[in-house]
Amino acid sequence: MTAVRARLLARGPALPRLIAALASAALAGACASQGMPPGGPPDVAAPTLIAVTPDSGSVNTKPSSVVFRFSEVVSERPRNAQTLAQLVVISPSDGPPDVSWGRDRVIVRPRHGWRPDMAYTVTVLPGLADLRGNVATESFNTVFSTGATIPDGVVRGVAFDWMGGKVARAARIEATIGSDTLLRYSIAADSGGRFALTSLPPSAFVLTAWMDANGNGIRDSREPWDTVSVTVSDSVRHELYLFPHDTIGARIADVAVADSVTIRVKFDHGLRDPAPIELSQFRLFRARDSTEITLSRLQAAPAYDSAAATRREALADSIARADTSERGRREVATADSLRRVRSQRDSAQAQIGALRAARDTTKLDTLPTLGRPVPPTEFVIITAEPLEVDVPLRIVVTDVQALVGPPRTSERQLMRRRPAPADTTGRGRPPPRGPS
């Protein structure tokens, strides 16, 4: 022991530095591993609201801030937003809110202070997360007034993505009064496109909804939107149909030759109903000499596709029944038997579903359905004569009226291509497998 100590002492002043370095390395190694604390199950619950100041329903109050206190520490970086401020809505408001983070608290202040004699709704939208990534799927809010009363005017409704034919999930809704476009009553629609702007005073409002694709709370020029005027005395309901408002009108976006007499034309914007477009607005020319090709029929693509599918099914059934060979009769009998089995199965499943629905007392949240047809964008043109192969063509459509904007004329080039020759050599098929 004495000899070891002598050797250590012989190293002189380098020894304390070595010991200090080893101690620092041990501490760094210990801090680098921050695993889940032992002794309990993992946290899979999203943050819940345990208190809010001021209390919802408070009147004659003018707080310095609104404070939402949660059951655990929340993340400064929400799951579906860049900042906490993008999850907070003050209604009414004259600018973006000032939002700060306080571990288990979210503190909200208006940029220009609370106005006197005004009822406010402050909402934290779905998306708030804890430090483990558990995300709250519900919103949290409080309603209070700097005056003596909270008005009870409400505008309820549904926002639809009109061109998509579905609800506009999380669409932003705003309402303004008269010429005061700075003060905006705001809310976000839920996952079913439903919204409710509450605590509105009796007045005439301009209601606007848009699909906030980038989550910045501002209606950008290319985002689908809709607006309507409403008068609020107590409760009003209205549907909004959001679509891109391109003021330059609609033009041909794509054209394709489906077969020798069929051309599909697609526009870049929805067209105005009813009778959005007529056959007389289309003209088809040979590009080399401007010879016009006669067109015989125009039909909306969904109706054409449905009728074509019905015709194909009827033709296949007719051909199968015309085959009087033994094999043909067996195939028809098998197809009829399968059709009867499917019909009986569908009927039985419908009865079982009705019985289960009658016994189930749980209220299902069904999505709202559009009250208007989706604006048409695609059409099918039938020519009076077969199109020549490998001959360049030019199609022109005049005075196309989109949902907004002036009528527009556009044209595109097209060609019926020669089909690739069939491979009769067998080289296009994999070689036959030999005996194993």
Protein backbone atom coordinates (compact mmCIF):
# COMPACT_ATOMS: atom_id res chain seq x y z
CA MET A 1 0.00 0.00 0.00
CA THR A 2 2.84 2.33 0.87
CA ALA A 3 4.53 1.58 -2.47
CA VAL A 4 1.31 2.37 -4.46
CA ARG A 5 0.86 5.62 -2.57
CA ALA A 6 4.44 6.56 -3.27
CA ARG A 7 3.98 5.99 -6.99
CA LEU A 8 0.84 8.16 -7.04
CA LEU A 9 2.56 10.93 -5.13
CA ALA A 10 5.46 10.73 -7.53
CA ARG A 11 3.13 11.87 -10.36
CA GLY A 12 2.99 15.27 -8.75
CA PRO A 13 0.33 17.91 -9.62
CA ALA A 14 -1.02 15.91 -12.61
CA LEU A 15 -2.91 13.59 -10.23
CA PRO A 16 -5.60 16.10 -9.08
CA ARG A 17 -6.28 17.00 -12.73
CA LEU A 18 -6.68 13.30 -13.63
CA ILE A 19 -9.12 12.71 -10.76
CA ALA A 20 -11.14 15.80 -11.73
CA ALA A 21 -11.32 14.68 -15.37
CA LEU A 22 -12.53 11.20 -14.38
CA ALA A 23 -15.21 12.70 -12.12
CA SER A 24 -16.42 15.04 -14.89
CA ALA A 25 -16.64 12.15 -17.36
CA ALA A 26 -18.69 10.10 -14.89
CA LEU A 27 -21.11 12.99 -14.35
CA ALA A 28 -21.49 13.56 -18.11
CA GLY A 29 -22.26 9.89 -18.66
CA ALA A 30 -24.89 9.95 -15.95
CA CYS A 31 -26.61 13.07 -17.39
CA ALA A 32 -26.59 11.82 -20.98
CA SER A 33 -29.07 9.03 -20.25
CA GLN A 34 -32.50 10.51 -19.40
CA GLY A 35 -34.80 7.51 -19.64
CA MET A 36 -38.32 7.13 -18.32
CA PRO A 37 -38.32 7.27 -14.52
CA PRO A 38 -38.76 3.83 -12.97
CA GLY A 39 -41.58 2.81 -10.70
CA GLY A 40 -44.76 3.36 -12.73
CA PRO A 41 -46.61 2.87 -16.05
CA PRO A 42 -45.81 5.19 -19.00
CA ASP A 43 -47.86 8.39 -19.36
CA VAL A 44 -50.26 8.07 -22.32
CA ALA A 45 -52.83 10.68 -21.25
CA ALA A 46 -53.10 14.06 -22.95
CA PRO A 47 -53.07 17.28 -20.86
CA THR A 48 -56.38 18.17 -19.25
CA LEU A 49 -57.57 21.58 -18.07
CA ILE A 50 -57.80 21.90 -14.27
CA ALA A 51 -58.36 25.69 -13.92
CA VAL A 52 -58.80 28.85 -15.97
CA THR A 53 -58.63 32.49 -14.91
CA PRO A 54 -60.96 34.34 -15.15
CA ASP A 55 -63.72 31.79 -14.60
CA SER A 56 -66.03 31.22 -17.53
CA GLY A 57 -69.14 33.38 -17.14
CA SER A 58 -67.38 36.18 -15.27
CA VAL A 59 -68.63 39.76 -15.86
CA ASN A 60 -67.27 43.21 -14.97
CA THR A 61 -63.73 41.85 -15.10
CA LYS A 62 -60.66 43.09 -16.92
CA PRO A 63 -57.84 40.64 -16.26
CA SER A 64 -54.25 41.37 -17.19
CA SER A 65 -54.18 37.95 -18.88
CA VAL A 66 -56.15 34.74 -19.31
CA VAL A 67 -54.37 31.76 -17.75
CA PHE A 68 -55.12 28.14 -18.64
CA ARG A 69 -53.62 25.71 -16.08
CA PHE A 70 -53.21 22.07 -17.08
CA SER A 71 -52.71 18.76 -15.31
CA GLU A 72 -49.05 18.53 -16.40
CA VAL A 73 -46.28 20.41 -18.14
CA VAL A 74 -47.23 21.18 -21.74
CA SER A 75 -44.90 21.43 -24.71
CA GLU A 76 -43.94 24.77 -26.23
CA ARG A 77 -44.11 23.08 -29.64
CA PRO A 78 -47.62 21.80 -30.48
CA ARG A 79 -48.07 18.81 -32.75
CA ASN A 80 -49.91 20.55 -35.62
CA ALA A 81 -48.70 24.15 -35.27
CA GLN A 82 -45.40 25.97 -35.29
CA THR A 83 -46.07 27.95 -32.09
CA LEU A 84 -48.46 27.98 -29.16
CA ALA A 85 -49.89 31.26 -30.47
CA GLN A 86 -51.29 29.43 -33.52
CA LEU A 87 -53.42 27.29 -31.19
CA VAL A 88 -54.99 30.26 -29.37
CA VAL A 89 -57.97 32.30 -30.59
CA ILE A 90 -59.30 35.43 -28.91
CA SER A 91 -62.78 36.38 -30.09
CA PRO A 92 -63.26 39.22 -30.80
CA SER A 93 -59.72 40.39 -31.48
CA ASP A 94 -57.98 43.13 -33.45
CA GLY A 95 -54.72 41.25 -33.99
CA PRO A 96 -52.74 38.10 -33.20
CA PRO A 97 -52.71 37.16 -29.49
CA ASP A 98 -49.66 37.42 -27.23
CA VAL A 99 -49.19 33.87 -25.89
CA SER A 100 -46.50 32.78 -23.42
CA TRP A 101 -45.58 29.42 -21.89
CA GLY A 102 -45.38 28.76 -18.15
CA ARG A 103 -44.66 25.02 -17.83
CA ASP A 104 -48.16 23.77 -16.95
CA ARG A 105 -49.76 27.10 -17.92
CA VAL A 106 -50.63 28.92 -21.14
CA ILE A 107 -50.88 32.69 -20.62
CA VAL A 108 -52.87 34.71 -23.16
CA ARG A 109 -53.03 38.49 -23.62
CA PRO A 110 -54.52 40.60 -26.44
CA ARG A 111 -52.00 42.70 -28.33
CA HIS A 112 -53.94 45.93 -27.79
CA GLY A 113 -55.68 45.22 -24.48
CA TRP A 114 -59.25 44.28 -23.61
CA ARG A 115 -61.95 46.67 -24.86
CA PRO A 116 -64.54 48.00 -22.38
CA ASP A 117 -68.08 46.54 -22.37
CA MET A 118 -67.03 43.63 -24.56
CA ALA A 119 -67.63 39.90 -24.16
CA TYR A 120 -64.65 37.69 -25.02
CA THR A 121 -64.19 34.01 -25.79
CA VAL A 122 -60.61 32.73 -25.45
CA THR A 123 -60.00 29.26 -26.92
CA VAL A 124 -57.07 26.87 -26.98
CA LEU A 125 -57.63 24.73 -30.07
CA PRO A 126 -57.00 20.95 -30.24
CA GLY A 127 -53.33 20.07 -30.63
CA LEU A 128 -51.83 20.96 -27.25
CA ALA A 129 -49.30 18.26 -26.25
CA ASP A 130 -47.38 17.22 -23.16
CA LEU A 131 -43.64 16.53 -23.08
CA ARG A 132 -44.21 12.87 -24.07
CA GLY A 133 -46.15 13.81 -27.19
CA ASN A 134 -49.66 13.01 -25.94
CA VAL A 135 -51.96 15.39 -27.84
CA ALA A 136 -55.25 16.87 -26.62
CA THR A 137 -58.03 16.32 -29.18
CA GLU A 138 -60.47 18.73 -27.54
CA SER A 139 -60.47 22.52 -27.24
CA PHE A 140 -60.45 24.53 -24.00
CA ASN A 141 -62.11 27.92 -23.59
CA THR A 142 -63.42 30.55 -21.24
CA VAL A 143 -66.06 33.26 -21.77
CA PHE A 144 -66.05 36.51 -19.81
CA SER A 145 -67.09 40.15 -20.21
CA THR A 146 -65.42 43.44 -19.36
CA GLY A 147 -68.96 44.81 -19.08
CA ALA A 148 -72.06 43.82 -17.15
CA THR A 149 -73.48 41.24 -19.57
CA ILE A 150 -72.53 38.45 -21.95
CA PRO A 151 -74.72 38.56 -25.10
CA ASP A 152 -76.27 35.30 -26.24
CA GLY A 153 -76.13 35.67 -30.03
CA VAL A 154 -74.86 32.54 -31.82
CA VAL A 155 -73.97 31.69 -35.42
CA ARG A 156 -73.79 27.93 -35.95
CA GLY A 157 -73.09 26.05 -39.12
CA VAL A 158 -70.90 23.76 -41.17
CA ALA A 159 -67.97 24.62 -43.43
CA PHE A 160 -67.59 22.39 -46.50
CA ASP A 161 -64.68 21.83 -48.86
CA TRP A 162 -66.97 22.26 -51.85
CA MET A 163 -64.63 21.06 -54.60
CA GLY A 164 -63.53 18.08 -52.47
CA GLY A 165 -67.14 17.15 -51.67
CA LYS A 166 -66.45 16.83 -47.92
CA VAL A 167 -66.42 18.79 -44.67
CA ALA A 168 -63.70 21.42 -44.19
CA ARG A 169 -61.98 20.04 -41.11
CA ALA A 170 -60.55 22.76 -38.80
CA ALA A 171 -61.60 25.59 -41.13
CA ARG A 172 -61.18 29.07 -39.65
CA ILE A 173 -64.34 31.15 -39.18
CA GLU A 174 -64.46 34.94 -38.75
CA ALA A 175 -67.28 37.47 -38.40
CA THR A 176 -67.03 41.26 -38.65
CA ILE A 177 -69.55 44.04 -37.99
CA GLY A 178 -70.11 46.73 -40.60
CA SER A 179 -67.03 48.71 -41.56
CA ASP A 180 -65.03 47.61 -38.49
CA THR A 181 -62.94 44.95 -40.19
CA LEU A 182 -60.18 45.10 -37.56
CA LEU A 183 -62.31 43.61 -34.77
CA ARG A 184 -62.97 39.99 -35.68
CA TYR A 185 -65.01 37.31 -33.92
CA SER A 186 -63.14 34.06 -34.58
CA ILE A 187 -63.28 30.31 -34.04
CA ALA A 188 -62.10 27.11 -35.76
CA ALA A 189 -64.39 24.35 -37.02
CA ASP A 190 -64.10 20.90 -35.48
CA SER A 191 -63.14 17.68 -37.28
CA GLY A 192 -66.66 17.51 -38.74
CA GLY A 193 -66.56 21.05 -40.14
CA ARG A 194 -69.02 22.27 -37.50
CA PHE A 195 -68.57 25.65 -35.81
CA ALA A 196 -70.34 27.91 -33.31
CA LEU A 197 -69.49 31.58 -32.89
CA THR A 198 -70.96 32.48 -29.51
CA SER A 199 -71.46 35.58 -27.33
CA LEU A 200 -72.30 37.76 -30.34
CA PRO A 201 -74.15 41.07 -29.89
CA PRO A 202 -77.30 41.68 -31.98
CA SER A 203 -76.03 43.03 -35.29
CA ALA A 204 -75.45 42.37 -39.00
CA PHE A 205 -72.27 40.37 -39.58
CA VAL A 206 -70.15 39.40 -42.56
CA LEU A 207 -69.26 35.74 -42.00
CA THR A 208 -66.13 34.34 -43.69
CA ALA A 209 -64.65 30.84 -43.60
CA TRP A 210 -61.46 29.53 -45.18
CA MET A 211 -59.29 26.41 -45.17
CA ASP A 212 -56.20 27.51 -43.24
CA ALA A 213 -53.76 25.13 -44.94
CA ASN A 214 -50.60 26.58 -43.37
CA GLY A 215 -52.13 27.21 -39.94
CA ASN A 216 -51.14 30.88 -39.79
CA GLY A 217 -54.65 32.14 -38.97
CA ILE A 218 -54.66 34.41 -42.05
CA ARG A 219 -56.63 33.86 -45.25
CA ASP A 220 -54.05 33.56 -48.02
CA SER A 221 -54.95 34.23 -51.65
CA ARG A 222 -54.90 30.60 -52.85
CA GLU A 223 -56.80 29.09 -49.92
CA PRO A 224 -60.45 28.09 -50.57
CA TRP A 225 -62.96 30.38 -48.84
CA ASP A 226 -66.57 31.54 -48.75
CA THR A 227 -68.43 34.48 -47.26
CA VAL A 228 -72.03 35.38 -46.47
CA SER A 229 -73.95 38.16 -44.67
CA VAL A 230 -76.03 37.18 -41.62
CA THR A 231 -78.15 39.10 -39.14
CA VAL A 232 -77.89 37.90 -35.55
CA SER A 233 -80.62 38.47 -32.99
CA ASP A 234 -80.43 35.19 -31.09
CA SER A 235 -79.39 32.07 -33.03
CA VAL A 236 -78.57 31.72 -36.73
CA ARG A 237 -77.47 28.69 -38.76
CA HIS A 238 -75.63 28.81 -42.07
CA GLU A 239 -73.57 26.53 -44.30
CA LEU A 240 -70.46 27.79 -46.06
CA TYR A 241 -69.07 26.24 -49.26
CA LEU A 242 -65.33 26.89 -49.56
CA PHE A 243 -63.65 26.96 -52.98
CA PRO A 244 -60.67 28.73 -54.64
CA HIS A 245 -61.63 32.21 -55.85
CA ASP A 246 -59.46 32.56 -58.96
CA THR A 247 -60.59 35.69 -60.78
CA ILE A 248 -59.01 34.75 -64.14
CA GLY A 249 -61.65 32.11 -64.89
CA ALA A 250 -61.47 28.41 -65.83
CA ARG A 251 -59.35 26.88 -68.59
CA ILE A 252 -58.68 23.39 -69.94
CA ALA A 253 -56.25 21.67 -67.57
CA ASP A 254 -56.06 18.29 -69.29
CA VAL A 255 -57.43 16.55 -72.38
CA ALA A 256 -57.14 12.88 -73.32
CA VAL A 257 -58.38 10.62 -76.13
CA ALA A 258 -60.08 7.64 -74.48
CA ASP A 259 -60.91 5.74 -77.69
CA SER A 260 -61.65 6.39 -81.36
CA VAL A 261 -64.68 8.63 -80.66
CA THR A 262 -64.28 9.65 -77.00
CA ILE A 263 -62.42 12.69 -75.62
CA ARG A 264 -62.18 13.56 -71.92
CA VAL A 265 -61.75 17.25 -71.03
CA LYS A 266 -60.88 18.45 -67.53
CA PHE A 267 -60.96 22.09 -66.33
CA ASP A 268 -58.77 23.58 -63.62
CA HIS A 269 -61.75 25.08 -61.72
CA GLY A 270 -65.30 24.04 -60.97
CA LEU A 271 -67.93 25.35 -63.39
CA ARG A 272 -71.12 27.11 -62.48
CA ASP A 273 -74.34 25.06 -62.35
CA PRO A 274 -76.94 24.57 -63.77
CA ALA A 275 -75.99 23.75 -67.38
CA PRO A 276 -72.34 24.63 -66.81
CA ILE A 277 -71.32 24.16 -70.44
CA GLU A 278 -72.85 23.19 -73.80
CA LEU A 279 -71.60 21.20 -76.78
CA SER A 280 -71.74 24.30 -78.99
CA GLN A 281 -68.95 25.87 -76.92
CA PHE A 282 -66.48 23.15 -78.08
CA ARG A 283 -64.80 22.97 -81.49
CA LEU A 284 -62.34 20.32 -82.67
CA PHE A 285 -59.91 20.87 -85.58
CA ARG A 286 -57.18 19.01 -87.42
CA ALA A 287 -54.09 21.02 -86.60
CA ARG A 288 -52.45 20.75 -90.05
CA ASP A 289 -55.31 22.19 -92.15
CA SER A 290 -57.88 23.48 -89.59
CA THR A 291 -60.51 21.07 -90.89
CA GLU A 292 -63.30 20.92 -88.30
CA ILE A 293 -64.43 17.58 -86.87
CA THR A 294 -68.10 17.27 -85.98
CA LEU A 295 -69.01 16.63 -82.35
CA SER A 296 -72.19 14.74 -81.51
CA ARG A 297 -72.62 14.63 -77.73
CA LEU A 298 -71.39 16.16 -74.44
CA GLN A 299 -71.88 14.61 -71.00
CA ALA A 300 -70.55 15.17 -67.50
CA ALA A 301 -67.86 12.58 -66.75
CA PRO A 302 -69.49 10.99 -63.64
CA ALA A 303 -72.77 10.36 -65.50
CA TYR A 304 -70.91 9.00 -68.54
CA ASP A 305 -68.75 6.67 -66.43
CA SER A 306 -71.77 5.31 -64.55
CA ALA A 307 -73.68 4.63 -67.77
CA ALA A 308 -70.60 3.06 -69.39
CA ALA A 309 -70.13 0.69 -66.45
CA THR A 310 -73.77 -0.38 -66.70
CA ARG A 311 -73.41 -0.97 -70.45
CA ARG A 312 -70.25 -3.05 -69.99
CA GLU A 313 -71.93 -5.21 -67.37
CA ALA A 314 -75.02 -5.74 -69.54
CA LEU A 315 -72.88 -6.56 -72.59
CA ALA A 316 -70.79 -9.08 -70.68
CA ASP A 317 -73.94 -10.76 -69.37
CA SER A 318 -75.49 -10.84 -72.87
CA ILE A 319 -72.35 -12.40 -74.40
CA ALA A 320 -72.17 -14.99 -71.62
CA ARG A 321 -75.82 -16.01 -72.10
CA ALA A 322 -75.35 -16.25 -75.86
CA ASP A 323 -72.76 -18.98 -75.31
CA THR A 324 -74.86 -22.17 -75.50
CA SER A 325 -71.95 -24.55 -75.01
CA GLU A 326 -71.79 -26.73 -71.91
CA ARG A 327 -69.02 -24.60 -70.47
CA GLY A 328 -70.94 -21.39 -71.21
CA ARG A 329 -74.11 -22.69 -69.51
CA ARG A 330 -72.08 -23.67 -66.43
CA GLU A 331 -70.48 -20.22 -66.22
CA VAL A 332 -73.87 -18.46 -66.50
CA ALA A 333 -75.38 -20.73 -63.85
CA THR A 334 -72.42 -20.07 -61.53
CA ALA A 335 -72.69 -16.28 -62.06
CA ASP A 336 -76.45 -16.33 -61.35
CA SER A 337 -75.88 -18.41 -58.21
CA LEU A 338 -73.19 -16.02 -56.95
CA ARG A 339 -75.49 -13.06 -57.65
CA ARG A 340 -78.28 -14.64 -55.58
CA VAL A 341 -75.86 -15.43 -52.73
CA ARG A 342 -74.58 -11.83 -52.70
CA SER A 343 -78.11 -10.47 -52.68
CA GLN A 344 -79.14 -12.73 -49.78
CA ARG A 345 -75.96 -11.88 -47.87
CA ASP A 346 -76.47 -8.13 -48.33
CA SER A 347 -80.09 -8.42 -47.21
CA ALA A 348 -79.09 -10.40 -44.10
CA GLN A 349 -76.33 -7.95 -43.22
CA ALA A 350 -78.75 -5.03 -43.59
CA GLN A 351 -81.22 -6.71 -41.20
CA ILE A 352 -78.46 -7.44 -38.67
CA GLY A 353 -77.23 -3.85 -38.91
CA ALA A 354 -80.75 -2.50 -38.33
CA LEU A 355 -81.19 -4.72 -35.25
CA ARG A 356 -77.85 -3.65 -33.81
CA ALA A 357 -78.62 0.01 -34.45
CA ALA A 358 -81.96 -0.34 -32.66
CA ARG A 359 -80.28 -1.90 -29.60
CA ASP A 360 -77.30 0.49 -29.53
CA THR A 361 -78.09 3.59 -27.48
CA THR A 362 -74.72 5.21 -28.24
CA LYS A 363 -75.12 8.31 -30.38
CA LEU A 364 -72.91 8.07 -33.47
CA ASP A 365 -71.34 11.27 -34.74
CA THR A 366 -72.07 11.19 -38.46
CA LEU A 367 -70.40 13.74 -40.71
CA PRO A 368 -72.61 16.42 -42.31
CA THR A 369 -73.41 16.05 -45.99
CA LEU A 370 -73.32 18.74 -48.65
CA GLY A 371 -76.57 20.47 -49.51
CA ARG A 372 -75.29 21.38 -52.98
CA PRO A 373 -73.79 19.25 -55.76
CA VAL A 374 -70.02 19.41 -56.26
CA PRO A 375 -69.23 21.82 -59.14
CA PRO A 376 -68.37 19.81 -62.28
CA THR A 377 -64.82 19.91 -63.66
CA GLU A 378 -64.64 16.99 -66.14
CA PHE A 379 -66.67 16.25 -69.27
CA VAL A 380 -66.77 13.63 -72.04
CA ILE A 381 -67.17 14.55 -75.72
CA ILE A 382 -68.32 12.01 -78.34
CA THR A 383 -67.31 12.71 -81.94
CA ALA A 384 -69.55 12.04 -84.93
CA GLU A 385 -66.78 10.15 -86.74
CA PRO A 386 -63.75 8.12 -85.62
CA LEU A 387 -60.58 10.11 -85.00
CA GLU A 388 -57.65 9.44 -87.28
CA VAL A 389 -54.57 7.85 -85.77
CA ASP A 390 -51.43 9.94 -85.16
CA VAL A 391 -53.05 13.10 -86.51
CA PRO A 392 -52.50 16.24 -84.35
CA LEU A 393 -55.76 17.86 -83.23
CA ARG A 394 -56.71 21.11 -81.52
CA ILE A 395 -59.70 21.53 -79.21
CA VAL A 396 -61.08 25.00 -78.40
CA VAL A 397 -63.69 25.87 -75.77
CA THR A 398 -65.20 29.36 -75.58
CA ASP A 399 -66.83 31.40 -72.81
CA VAL A 400 -66.37 28.91 -70.00
CA GLN A 401 -67.93 30.28 -66.81
CA ALA A 402 -66.27 29.23 -63.54
CA LEU A 403 -67.83 29.75 -60.11
CA VAL A 404 -66.20 33.21 -60.05
CA GLY A 405 -64.41 35.34 -62.59
CA PRO A 406 -65.19 36.29 -66.20
CA PRO A 407 -65.89 33.78 -69.01
CA ARG A 408 -62.69 32.42 -70.51
CA THR A 409 -61.62 30.79 -73.78
CA SER A 410 -58.82 28.22 -73.91
CA GLU A 411 -57.45 25.46 -76.13
CA ARG A 412 -55.21 22.38 -76.00
CA GLN A 413 -53.45 20.01 -78.38
CA LEU A 414 -54.32 16.30 -78.49
CA MET A 415 -53.80 13.19 -80.60
CA ARG A 416 -55.16 9.67 -80.89
CA ARG A 417 -52.08 7.48 -80.60
CA ARG A 418 -51.56 4.27 -82.52
CA PRO A 419 -51.86 1.34 -80.11
CA ALA A 420 -48.72 -0.67 -79.49
CA PRO A 421 -48.66 -3.91 -81.53
CA ALA A 422 -49.53 -7.04 -79.62
CA ASP A 423 -46.59 -9.28 -78.68
CA THR A 424 -47.25 -12.58 -80.46
CA THR A 425 -43.69 -13.90 -80.09
CA GLY A 426 -43.94 -14.67 -76.41
CA ARG A 427 -40.86 -12.54 -75.67
CA GLY A 428 -42.89 -10.15 -73.59
CA ARG A 429 -43.96 -12.97 -71.27
CA PRO A 430 -41.77 -14.71 -68.71
CA PRO A 431 -40.44 -18.11 -69.86
CA PRO A 432 -42.49 -21.14 -68.80
CA ARG A 433 -41.34 -22.82 -65.65
CA GLY A 434 -39.71 -26.21 -66.07
CA PRO A 435 -40.24 -29.26 -63.95
CA SER A 436 -39.14 -28.77 -60.36
